[in-house]
Amino acid sequence: KHQSGNNSGVLHCGLYYEPGSLKAKLAVDG
């Protein structure tokens, strides 16, 4: 009902995130 249901539905692939960060690793695999 909140964050998950009120976004624009974009699939993000990990372009912006600091290499080696957890976010970068999990975004690409995610």
PDB file of all heavy atoms in Angstrom:
ATOM      1  N   LYS A   1       0.814  -1.214   0.000  1.00  0.00           N
ATOM      2  CA  LYS A   1       0.000   0.000   0.000  1.00  0.00           C
ATOM      3  C   LYS A   1       0.852   1.271   0.000  1.00  0.00           C
ATOM      4  O   LYS A   1       0.364   2.341  -0.363  1.00  0.00           O
ATOM      5  CB  LYS A   1      -0.934   0.003   1.213  1.00  0.00           C
ATOM      6  CG  LYS A   1      -2.027   1.061   1.131  1.00  0.00           C
ATOM      7  CD  LYS A   1      -3.104   0.829   2.166  1.00  0.00           C
ATOM      8  CE  LYS A   1      -4.223   1.853   2.041  1.00  0.00           C
ATOM      9  NZ  LYS A   1      -5.321   1.600   3.004  1.00  0.00           N
ATOM     10  N   HIS A   2       2.114   1.154   0.373  1.00  0.00           N
ATOM     11  CA  HIS A   2       2.939   2.364   0.496  1.00  0.00           C
ATOM     12  C   HIS A   2       4.066   2.388  -0.546  1.00  0.00           C
ATOM     13  O   HIS A   2       3.780   2.459  -1.733  1.00  0.00           O
ATOM     14  CB  HIS A   2       3.398   2.521   1.939  1.00  0.00           C
ATOM     15  CG  HIS A   2       2.240   2.723   2.862  1.00  0.00           C
ATOM     16  ND1 HIS A   2       1.442   3.849   2.816  1.00  0.00           N
ATOM     17  CD2 HIS A   2       1.695   1.915   3.813  1.00  0.00           C
ATOM     18  CE1 HIS A   2       0.472   3.745   3.696  1.00  0.00           C
ATOM     19  NE2 HIS A   2       0.599   2.587   4.330  1.00  0.00           N
ATOM     20  N   GLN A   3       5.310   2.304  -0.145  1.00  0.00           N
ATOM     21  CA  GLN A   3       6.393   2.484  -1.126  1.00  0.00           C
ATOM     22  C   GLN A   3       6.252   1.559  -2.333  1.00  0.00           C
ATOM     23  O   GLN A   3       6.392   1.988  -3.480  1.00  0.00           O
ATOM     24  CB  GLN A   3       7.755   2.239  -0.464  1.00  0.00           C
ATOM     25  CG  GLN A   3       8.231   3.363   0.434  1.00  0.00           C
ATOM     26  CD  GLN A   3       9.666   3.150   0.842  1.00  0.00           C
ATOM     27  OE1 GLN A   3      10.558   3.850   0.392  1.00  0.00           O
ATOM     28  NE2 GLN A   3       9.904   2.169   1.688  1.00  0.00           N
ATOM     29  N   SER A   4       5.982   0.291  -2.083  1.00  0.00           N
ATOM     30  CA  SER A   4       5.977  -0.697  -3.164  1.00  0.00           C
ATOM     31  C   SER A   4       4.861  -0.463  -4.169  1.00  0.00           C
ATOM     32  O   SER A   4       5.008  -0.806  -5.348  1.00  0.00           O
ATOM     33  CB  SER A   4       5.842  -2.106  -2.584  1.00  0.00           C
ATOM     34  OG  SER A   4       6.884  -2.385  -1.679  1.00  0.00           O
ATOM     35  N   GLY A   5       3.767   0.113  -3.710  1.00  0.00           N
ATOM     36  CA  GLY A   5       2.633   0.326  -4.594  1.00  0.00           C
ATOM     37  C   GLY A   5       2.510   1.741  -5.123  1.00  0.00           C
ATOM     38  O   GLY A   5       1.555   2.060  -5.829  1.00  0.00           O
ATOM     39  N   ASN A   6       3.468   2.604  -4.786  1.00  0.00           N
ATOM     40  CA  ASN A   6       3.410   3.997  -5.207  1.00  0.00           C
ATOM     41  C   ASN A   6       4.700   4.434  -5.884  1.00  0.00           C
ATOM     42  O   ASN A   6       5.209   5.531  -5.649  1.00  0.00           O
ATOM     43  CB  ASN A   6       3.120   4.898  -4.001  1.00  0.00           C
ATOM     44  CG  ASN A   6       1.710   4.729  -3.485  1.00  0.00           C
ATOM     45  OD1 ASN A   6       0.750   5.207  -4.073  1.00  0.00           O
ATOM     46  ND2 ASN A   6       1.568   4.006  -2.376  1.00  0.00           N
ATOM     47  N   ASN A   7       5.244   3.554  -6.711  1.00  0.00           N
ATOM     48  CA  ASN A   7       6.402   3.939  -7.505  1.00  0.00           C
ATOM     49  C   ASN A   7       6.042   3.819  -8.982  1.00  0.00           C
ATOM     50  O   ASN A   7       4.958   3.369  -9.331  1.00  0.00           O
ATOM     51  CB  ASN A   7       7.635   3.085  -7.162  1.00  0.00           C
ATOM     52  CG  ASN A   7       7.414   1.604  -7.412  1.00  0.00           C
ATOM     53  OD1 ASN A   7       6.985   1.199  -8.484  1.00  0.00           O
ATOM     54  ND2 ASN A   7       7.703   0.778  -6.405  1.00  0.00           N
ATOM     55  N   SER A   8       6.949   4.229  -9.845  1.00  0.00           N
ATOM     56  CA  SER A   8       6.630   4.287 -11.278  1.00  0.00           C
ATOM     57  C   SER A   8       6.902   2.983 -11.999  1.00  0.00           C
ATOM     58  O   SER A   8       6.725   2.897 -13.215  1.00  0.00           O
ATOM     59  CB  SER A   8       7.419   5.424 -11.941  1.00  0.00           C
ATOM     60  OG  SER A   8       8.796   5.301 -11.666  1.00  0.00           O
ATOM     61  N   GLY A   9       7.348   1.955 -11.272  1.00  0.00           N
ATOM     62  CA  GLY A   9       7.488   0.642 -11.875  1.00  0.00           C
ATOM     63  C   GLY A   9       8.723   0.460 -12.728  1.00  0.00           C
ATOM     64  O   GLY A   9       8.726  -0.336 -13.672  1.00  0.00           O
ATOM     65  N   VAL A  10       9.796   1.178 -12.393  1.00  0.00           N
ATOM     66  CA  VAL A  10      11.032   1.058 -13.179  1.00  0.00           C
ATOM     67  C   VAL A  10      11.885  -0.095 -12.656  1.00  0.00           C
ATOM     68  O   VAL A  10      11.990  -0.317 -11.442  1.00  0.00           O
ATOM     69  CB  VAL A  10      11.839   2.374 -13.139  1.00  0.00           C
ATOM     70  CG1 VAL A  10      13.195   2.214 -13.828  1.00  0.00           C
ATOM     71  CG2 VAL A  10      11.048   3.499 -13.798  1.00  0.00           C
ATOM     72  N   LEU A  11      12.487  -0.831 -13.577  1.00  0.00           N
ATOM     73  CA  LEU A  11      13.481  -1.862 -13.248  1.00  0.00           C
ATOM     74  C   LEU A  11      14.856  -1.230 -13.335  1.00  0.00           C
ATOM     75  O   LEU A  11      15.330  -0.879 -14.424  1.00  0.00           O
ATOM     76  CB  LEU A  11      13.372  -3.028 -14.237  1.00  0.00           C
ATOM     77  CG  LEU A  11      12.113  -3.893 -14.148  1.00  0.00           C
ATOM     78  CD1 LEU A  11      11.948  -4.715 -15.417  1.00  0.00           C
ATOM     79  CD2 LEU A  11      12.180  -4.803 -12.928  1.00  0.00           C
ATOM     80  N   HIS A  12      15.506  -1.042 -12.186  1.00  0.00           N
ATOM     81  CA  HIS A  12      16.820  -0.398 -12.134  1.00  0.00           C
ATOM     82  C   HIS A  12      17.924  -1.460 -12.149  1.00  0.00           C
ATOM     83  O   HIS A  12      17.864  -2.432 -11.404  1.00  0.00           O
ATOM     84  CB  HIS A  12      16.954   0.443 -10.865  1.00  0.00           C
ATOM     85  CG  HIS A  12      16.050   1.635 -10.836  1.00  0.00           C
ATOM     86  ND1 HIS A  12      16.291   2.761 -11.588  1.00  0.00           N
ATOM     87  CD2 HIS A  12      14.899   1.867 -10.155  1.00  0.00           C
ATOM     88  CE1 HIS A  12      15.336   3.649 -11.362  1.00  0.00           C
ATOM     89  NE2 HIS A  12      14.477   3.127 -10.492  1.00  0.00           N
ATOM     90  N   CYS A  13      18.953  -1.226 -12.972  1.00  0.00           N
ATOM     91  CA  CYS A  13      19.954  -2.280 -13.171  1.00  0.00           C
ATOM     92  C   CYS A  13      21.286  -2.045 -12.465  1.00  0.00           C
ATOM     93  O   CYS A  13      22.171  -2.890 -12.546  1.00  0.00           O
ATOM     94  CB  CYS A  13      20.205  -2.496 -14.667  1.00  0.00           C
ATOM     95  SG  CYS A  13      20.942  -1.089 -15.503  1.00  0.00           S
ATOM     96  N   GLY A  14      21.467  -0.913 -11.777  1.00  0.00           N
ATOM     97  CA  GLY A  14      22.699  -0.743 -11.019  1.00  0.00           C
ATOM     98  C   GLY A  14      23.701   0.212 -11.619  1.00  0.00           C
ATOM     99  O   GLY A  14      24.898   0.110 -11.370  1.00  0.00           O
ATOM    100  N   LEU A  15      23.241   1.178 -12.401  1.00  0.00           N
ATOM    101  CA  LEU A  15      24.153   2.123 -13.058  1.00  0.00           C
ATOM    102  C   LEU A  15      24.809   3.078 -12.076  1.00  0.00           C
ATOM    103  O   LEU A  15      26.001   3.366 -12.176  1.00  0.00           O
ATOM    104  CB  LEU A  15      23.377   2.924 -14.113  1.00  0.00           C
ATOM    105  CG  LEU A  15      24.164   4.013 -14.846  1.00  0.00           C
ATOM    106  CD1 LEU A  15      25.215   3.392 -15.756  1.00  0.00           C
ATOM    107  CD2 LEU A  15      23.220   4.910 -15.644  1.00  0.00           C
ATOM    108  N   TYR A  16      24.049   3.581 -11.105  1.00  0.00           N
ATOM    109  CA  TYR A  16      24.505   4.719 -10.311  1.00  0.00           C
ATOM    110  C   TYR A  16      25.364   4.359  -9.103  1.00  0.00           C
ATOM    111  O   TYR A  16      26.049   5.209  -8.548  1.00  0.00           O
ATOM    112  CB  TYR A  16      23.291   5.500  -9.786  1.00  0.00           C
ATOM    113  CG  TYR A  16      22.347   5.960 -10.855  1.00  0.00           C
ATOM    114  CD1 TYR A  16      21.096   5.377 -10.995  1.00  0.00           C
ATOM    115  CD2 TYR A  16      22.708   6.981 -11.735  1.00  0.00           C
ATOM    116  CE1 TYR A  16      20.218   5.803 -11.980  1.00  0.00           C
ATOM    117  CE2 TYR A  16      21.840   7.412 -12.719  1.00  0.00           C
ATOM    118  CZ  TYR A  16      20.597   6.818 -12.841  1.00  0.00           C
ATOM    119  OH  TYR A  16      19.735   7.236 -13.817  1.00  0.00           O
ATOM    120  N   TYR A  17      25.350   3.115  -8.690  1.00  0.00           N
ATOM    121  CA  TYR A  17      25.778   2.796  -7.338  1.00  0.00           C
ATOM    122  C   TYR A  17      27.271   2.536  -7.258  1.00  0.00           C
ATOM    123  O   TYR A  17      27.899   2.030  -8.192  1.00  0.00           O
ATOM    124  CB  TYR A  17      24.959   1.620  -6.814  1.00  0.00           C
ATOM    125  CG  TYR A  17      23.499   1.783  -7.167  1.00  0.00           C
ATOM    126  CD1 TYR A  17      22.809   0.809  -7.878  1.00  0.00           C
ATOM    127  CD2 TYR A  17      22.824   2.965  -6.837  1.00  0.00           C
ATOM    128  CE1 TYR A  17      21.483   0.994  -8.238  1.00  0.00           C
ATOM    129  CE2 TYR A  17      21.501   3.149  -7.189  1.00  0.00           C
ATOM    130  CZ  TYR A  17      20.833   2.168  -7.901  1.00  0.00           C
ATOM    131  OH  TYR A  17      19.529   2.365  -8.268  1.00  0.00           O
ATOM    132  N   GLU A  18      27.840   2.885  -6.116  1.00  0.00           N
ATOM    133  CA  GLU A  18      29.273   2.765  -5.885  1.00  0.00           C
ATOM    134  C   GLU A  18      29.733   1.332  -6.120  1.00  0.00           C
ATOM    135  O   GLU A  18      29.226   0.399  -5.500  1.00  0.00           O
ATOM    136  CB  GLU A  18      29.599   3.179  -4.448  1.00  0.00           C
ATOM    137  CG  GLU A  18      31.068   3.232  -4.118  1.00  0.00           C
ATOM    138  CD  GLU A  18      31.810   4.336  -4.832  1.00  0.00           C
ATOM    139  OE1 GLU A  18      31.197   5.387  -5.122  1.00  0.00           O
ATOM    140  OE2 GLU A  18      33.003   4.130  -5.114  1.00  0.00           O
ATOM    141  N   PRO A  19      30.694   1.130  -7.040  1.00  0.00           N
ATOM    142  CA  PRO A  19      31.190  -0.233  -7.279  1.00  0.00           C
ATOM    143  C   PRO A  19      31.677  -0.886  -5.985  1.00  0.00           C
ATOM    144  O   PRO A  19      32.363  -0.266  -5.179  1.00  0.00           O
ATOM    145  CB  PRO A  19      32.353  -0.007  -8.256  1.00  0.00           C
ATOM    146  CG  PRO A  19      31.984   1.242  -8.992  1.00  0.00           C
ATOM    147  CD  PRO A  19      31.319   2.122  -7.951  1.00  0.00           C
ATOM    148  N   GLY A  20      31.275  -2.116  -5.788  1.00  0.00           N
ATOM    149  CA  GLY A  20      31.638  -2.846  -4.579  1.00  0.00           C
ATOM    150  C   GLY A  20      30.635  -2.692  -3.449  1.00  0.00           C
ATOM    151  O   GLY A  20      30.696  -3.435  -2.473  1.00  0.00           O
ATOM    152  N   SER A  21      29.720  -1.729  -3.577  1.00  0.00           N
ATOM    153  CA  SER A  21      28.708  -1.548  -2.531  1.00  0.00           C
ATOM    154  C   SER A  21      27.693  -2.673  -2.601  1.00  0.00           C
ATOM    155  O   SER A  21      27.524  -3.345  -3.625  1.00  0.00           O
ATOM    156  CB  SER A  21      27.997  -0.198  -2.698  1.00  0.00           C
ATOM    157  OG  SER A  21      27.235  -0.181  -3.898  1.00  0.00           O
ATOM    158  N   LEU A  22      27.015  -2.885  -1.489  1.00  0.00           N
ATOM    159  CA  LEU A  22      25.975  -3.911  -1.448  1.00  0.00           C
ATOM    160  C   LEU A  22      24.873  -3.581  -2.447  1.00  0.00           C
ATOM    161  O   LEU A  22      24.363  -4.467  -3.147  1.00  0.00           O
ATOM    162  CB  LEU A  22      25.406  -4.004  -0.029  1.00  0.00           C
ATOM    163  CG  LEU A  22      24.369  -5.101   0.228  1.00  0.00           C
ATOM    164  CD1 LEU A  22      24.947  -6.477  -0.077  1.00  0.00           C
ATOM    165  CD2 LEU A  22      23.872  -5.023   1.672  1.00  0.00           C
ATOM    166  N   LYS A  23      24.535  -2.307  -2.559  1.00  0.00           N
ATOM    167  CA  LYS A  23      23.485  -1.894  -3.480  1.00  0.00           C
ATOM    168  C   LYS A  23      23.845  -2.222  -4.923  1.00  0.00           C
ATOM    169  O   LYS A  23      23.017  -2.712  -5.693  1.00  0.00           O
ATOM    170  CB  LYS A  23      23.209  -0.395  -3.327  1.00  0.00           C
ATOM    171  CG  LYS A  23      22.044   0.092  -4.147  1.00  0.00           C
ATOM    172  CD  LYS A  23      21.811   1.582  -3.973  1.00  0.00           C
ATOM    173  CE  LYS A  23      21.029   1.906  -2.746  1.00  0.00           C
ATOM    174  NZ  LYS A  23      20.568   3.320  -2.719  1.00  0.00           N
ATOM    175  N   ALA A  24      25.104  -1.963  -5.311  1.00  0.00           N
ATOM    176  CA  ALA A  24      25.535  -2.256  -6.681  1.00  0.00           C
ATOM    177  C   ALA A  24      25.454  -3.749  -6.972  1.00  0.00           C
ATOM    178  O   ALA A  24      24.928  -4.176  -8.002  1.00  0.00           O
ATOM    179  CB  ALA A  24      26.957  -1.740  -6.904  1.00  0.00           C
ATOM    180  N   LYS A  25      25.952  -4.545  -6.043  1.00  0.00           N
ATOM    181  CA  LYS A  25      25.964  -5.996  -6.238  1.00  0.00           C
ATOM    182  C   LYS A  25      24.546  -6.549  -6.357  1.00  0.00           C
ATOM    183  O   LYS A  25      24.230  -7.326  -7.269  1.00  0.00           O
ATOM    184  CB  LYS A  25      26.682  -6.662  -5.059  1.00  0.00           C
ATOM    185  CG  LYS A  25      26.642  -8.187  -5.090  1.00  0.00           C
ATOM    186  CD  LYS A  25      27.249  -8.780  -3.817  1.00  0.00           C
ATOM    187  CE  LYS A  25      27.069 -10.288  -3.787  1.00  0.00           C
ATOM    188  NZ  LYS A  25      27.574 -10.884  -2.522  1.00  0.00           N
ATOM    189  N   LEU A  26      23.670  -6.122  -5.458  1.00  0.00           N
ATOM    190  CA  LEU A  26      22.333  -6.692  -5.424  1.00  0.00           C
ATOM    191  C   LEU A  26      21.428  -6.117  -6.506  1.00  0.00           C
ATOM    192  O   LEU A  26      20.485  -6.781  -6.939  1.00  0.00           O
ATOM    193  CB  LEU A  26      21.715  -6.486  -4.041  1.00  0.00           C
ATOM    194  CG  LEU A  26      22.477  -7.148  -2.879  1.00  0.00           C
ATOM    195  CD1 LEU A  26      21.697  -6.990  -1.575  1.00  0.00           C
ATOM    196  CD2 LEU A  26      22.755  -8.618  -3.150  1.00  0.00           C
ATOM    197  N   ALA A  27      21.710  -4.899  -6.959  1.00  0.00           N
ATOM    198  CA  ALA A  27      20.901  -4.327  -8.039  1.00  0.00           C
ATOM    199  C   ALA A  27      21.123  -5.075  -9.343  1.00  0.00           C
ATOM    200  O   ALA A  27      20.163  -5.382 -10.068  1.00  0.00           O
ATOM    201  CB  ALA A  27      21.233  -2.848  -8.218  1.00  0.00           C
ATOM    202  N   VAL A  28      22.377  -5.367  -9.657  1.00  0.00           N
ATOM    203  CA  VAL A  28      22.686  -6.057 -10.912  1.00  0.00           C
ATOM    204  C   VAL A  28      22.106  -7.461 -10.902  1.00  0.00           C
ATOM    205  O   VAL A  28      21.435  -7.894 -11.849  1.00  0.00           O
ATOM    206  CB  VAL A  28      24.208  -6.085 -11.161  1.00  0.00           C
ATOM    207  CG1 VAL A  28      24.534  -6.908 -12.396  1.00  0.00           C
ATOM    208  CG2 VAL A  28      24.737  -4.662 -11.328  1.00  0.00           C
ATOM    209  N   ASP A  29      22.343  -8.197  -9.816  1.00  0.00           N
ATOM    210  CA  ASP A  29      21.763  -9.535  -9.706  1.00  0.00           C
ATOM    211  C   ASP A  29      20.241  -9.456  -9.594  1.00  0.00           C
ATOM    212  O   ASP A  29      19.519 -10.283 -10.145  1.00  0.00           O
ATOM    213  CB  ASP A  29      22.337 -10.247  -8.482  1.00  0.00           C
ATOM    214  CG  ASP A  29      21.723 -11.630  -8.286  1.00  0.00           C
ATOM    215  OD1 ASP A  29      21.979 -12.514  -9.120  1.00  0.00           O
ATOM    216  OD2 ASP A  29      20.975 -11.817  -7.299  1.00  0.00           O
ATOM    217  N   GLY A  30      19.762  -8.408  -8.910  1.00  0.00           N
ATOM    218  CA  GLY A  30      18.340  -8.285  -8.644  1.00  0.00           C
ATOM    219  C   GLY A  30      17.504  -8.084  -9.887  1.00  0.00           C
ATOM    220  O   GLY A  30      16.439  -8.686 -10.025  1.00  0.00           O
TER     221      GLY A  30
END
